[in-house]
Amino acid sequence: MDGERLNANGNKAFLGTHRNLQCVRQMPELRHKVGDAFDINKSEVVKWLIEQPEVRQYIFDLVRGGDKRREQLIAHDPERGTWKGVGST
């Protein structure tokens, strides 16, 4: 993402959508609120999103700091072959 432009609402927007999120454009019609009370764990939208391999890869890259403009939230321990939050002990 190499700059800013105005989106359809006239607000500043980053150029383009990350390639790993392009699949979201194909999401079928789903409910975000199922029943009377909202529960993120019952959201059809969220369930569909996290089932997409591209979205999972995007989230992983985001928290591991793959984009050097973002803070690294998890770190890899090559000796143990594990990952953990950068604030955990």
Protein backbone atom coordinates (compact mmCIF):
# COMPACT_ATOMS: atom_id res chain seq x y z
CA MET A 1 0.00 0.00 0.00
CA ASP A 2 1.82 3.01 -1.25
CA GLY A 3 -0.37 6.02 -0.55
CA GLU A 4 -3.72 7.44 0.28
CA ARG A 5 -6.73 8.46 -1.77
CA LEU A 6 -10.35 9.30 -1.07
CA ASN A 7 -12.82 6.45 -0.91
CA ALA A 8 -16.43 6.56 -2.13
CA ASN A 9 -17.46 8.37 1.06
CA GLY A 10 -14.83 11.08 0.60
CA ASN A 11 -12.68 9.79 3.47
CA LYS A 12 -8.99 8.97 3.29
CA ALA A 13 -8.46 5.34 2.34
CA PHE A 14 -5.44 3.16 1.73
CA LEU A 15 -4.91 2.06 -1.84
CA GLY A 16 -6.14 -1.40 -2.60
CA THR A 17 -7.20 -4.35 -0.52
CA HIS A 18 -4.66 -6.90 0.67
CA ARG A 19 -4.56 -9.88 -1.69
CA ASN A 20 -5.40 -12.27 1.16
CA LEU A 21 -8.66 -10.42 1.78
CA GLN A 22 -9.89 -10.49 -1.82
CA CYS A 23 -11.73 -13.76 -1.07
CA VAL A 24 -14.06 -11.84 1.28
CA ARG A 25 -15.67 -10.24 -1.78
CA GLN A 26 -17.15 -13.69 -2.52
CA MET A 27 -18.78 -14.17 0.90
CA PRO A 28 -22.36 -15.41 0.60
CA GLU A 29 -25.25 -13.75 2.41
CA LEU A 30 -24.85 -14.60 6.11
CA ARG A 31 -26.19 -13.42 9.45
CA HIS A 32 -24.01 -11.61 11.95
CA LYS A 33 -26.66 -11.69 14.68
CA VAL A 34 -28.37 -15.02 15.22
CA GLY A 35 -31.31 -14.84 17.64
CA ASP A 36 -32.12 -11.94 19.93
CA ALA A 37 -28.78 -11.27 21.61
CA PHE A 38 -25.58 -10.70 19.64
CA ASP A 39 -22.88 -13.31 20.31
CA ILE A 40 -19.66 -13.10 18.28
CA ASN A 41 -19.24 -16.86 18.74
CA LYS A 42 -22.52 -17.49 16.89
CA SER A 43 -21.91 -15.06 14.01
CA GLU A 44 -22.22 -16.79 10.62
CA VAL A 45 -20.10 -13.99 9.13
CA VAL A 46 -17.22 -14.51 11.56
CA LYS A 47 -17.41 -18.29 11.17
CA TRP A 48 -17.20 -17.99 7.39
CA LEU A 49 -14.33 -15.50 7.59
CA ILE A 50 -12.13 -17.62 9.83
CA GLU A 51 -12.74 -20.68 7.66
CA GLN A 52 -11.04 -18.94 4.72
CA PRO A 53 -7.34 -19.91 4.42
CA GLU A 54 -6.47 -16.50 2.97
CA VAL A 55 -8.03 -14.68 5.94
CA ARG A 56 -6.20 -16.96 8.38
CA GLN A 57 -2.91 -16.20 6.60
CA TYR A 58 -3.63 -12.46 6.69
CA ILE A 59 -4.32 -12.53 10.44
CA PHE A 60 -1.20 -14.60 11.12
CA ASP A 61 0.97 -12.26 9.04
CA LEU A 62 -0.57 -9.27 10.81
CA VAL A 63 0.19 -10.47 14.35
CA ARG A 64 3.65 -11.81 13.57
CA GLY A 65 4.66 -8.39 12.29
CA GLY A 66 5.13 -9.52 8.69
CA ASP A 67 4.44 -5.96 7.60
CA LYS A 68 7.31 -4.02 9.18
CA ARG A 69 5.02 -1.02 9.64
CA ARG A 70 3.05 -2.96 12.27
CA GLU A 71 3.95 -4.04 15.77
CA GLN A 72 4.95 -7.68 16.21
CA LEU A 73 2.49 -9.34 18.61
CA ILE A 74 3.77 -12.93 18.52
CA ALA A 75 7.31 -14.28 18.26
CA HIS A 76 8.77 -17.58 17.09
CA ASP A 77 11.18 -19.60 19.23
CA PRO A 78 13.16 -21.62 16.68
CA GLU A 79 14.72 -23.86 19.35
CA ARG A 80 11.31 -24.98 20.63
CA GLY A 81 9.45 -24.61 17.33
CA THR A 82 6.68 -22.64 19.06
CA TRP A 83 5.06 -19.21 18.92
CA LYS A 84 3.92 -17.02 21.83
CA GLY A 85 2.70 -13.53 22.54
CA VAL A 86 5.51 -10.99 22.89
CA GLY A 87 4.11 -9.93 26.30
CA SER A 88 3.81 -13.45 27.76
CA THR A 89 6.35 -14.97 30.10
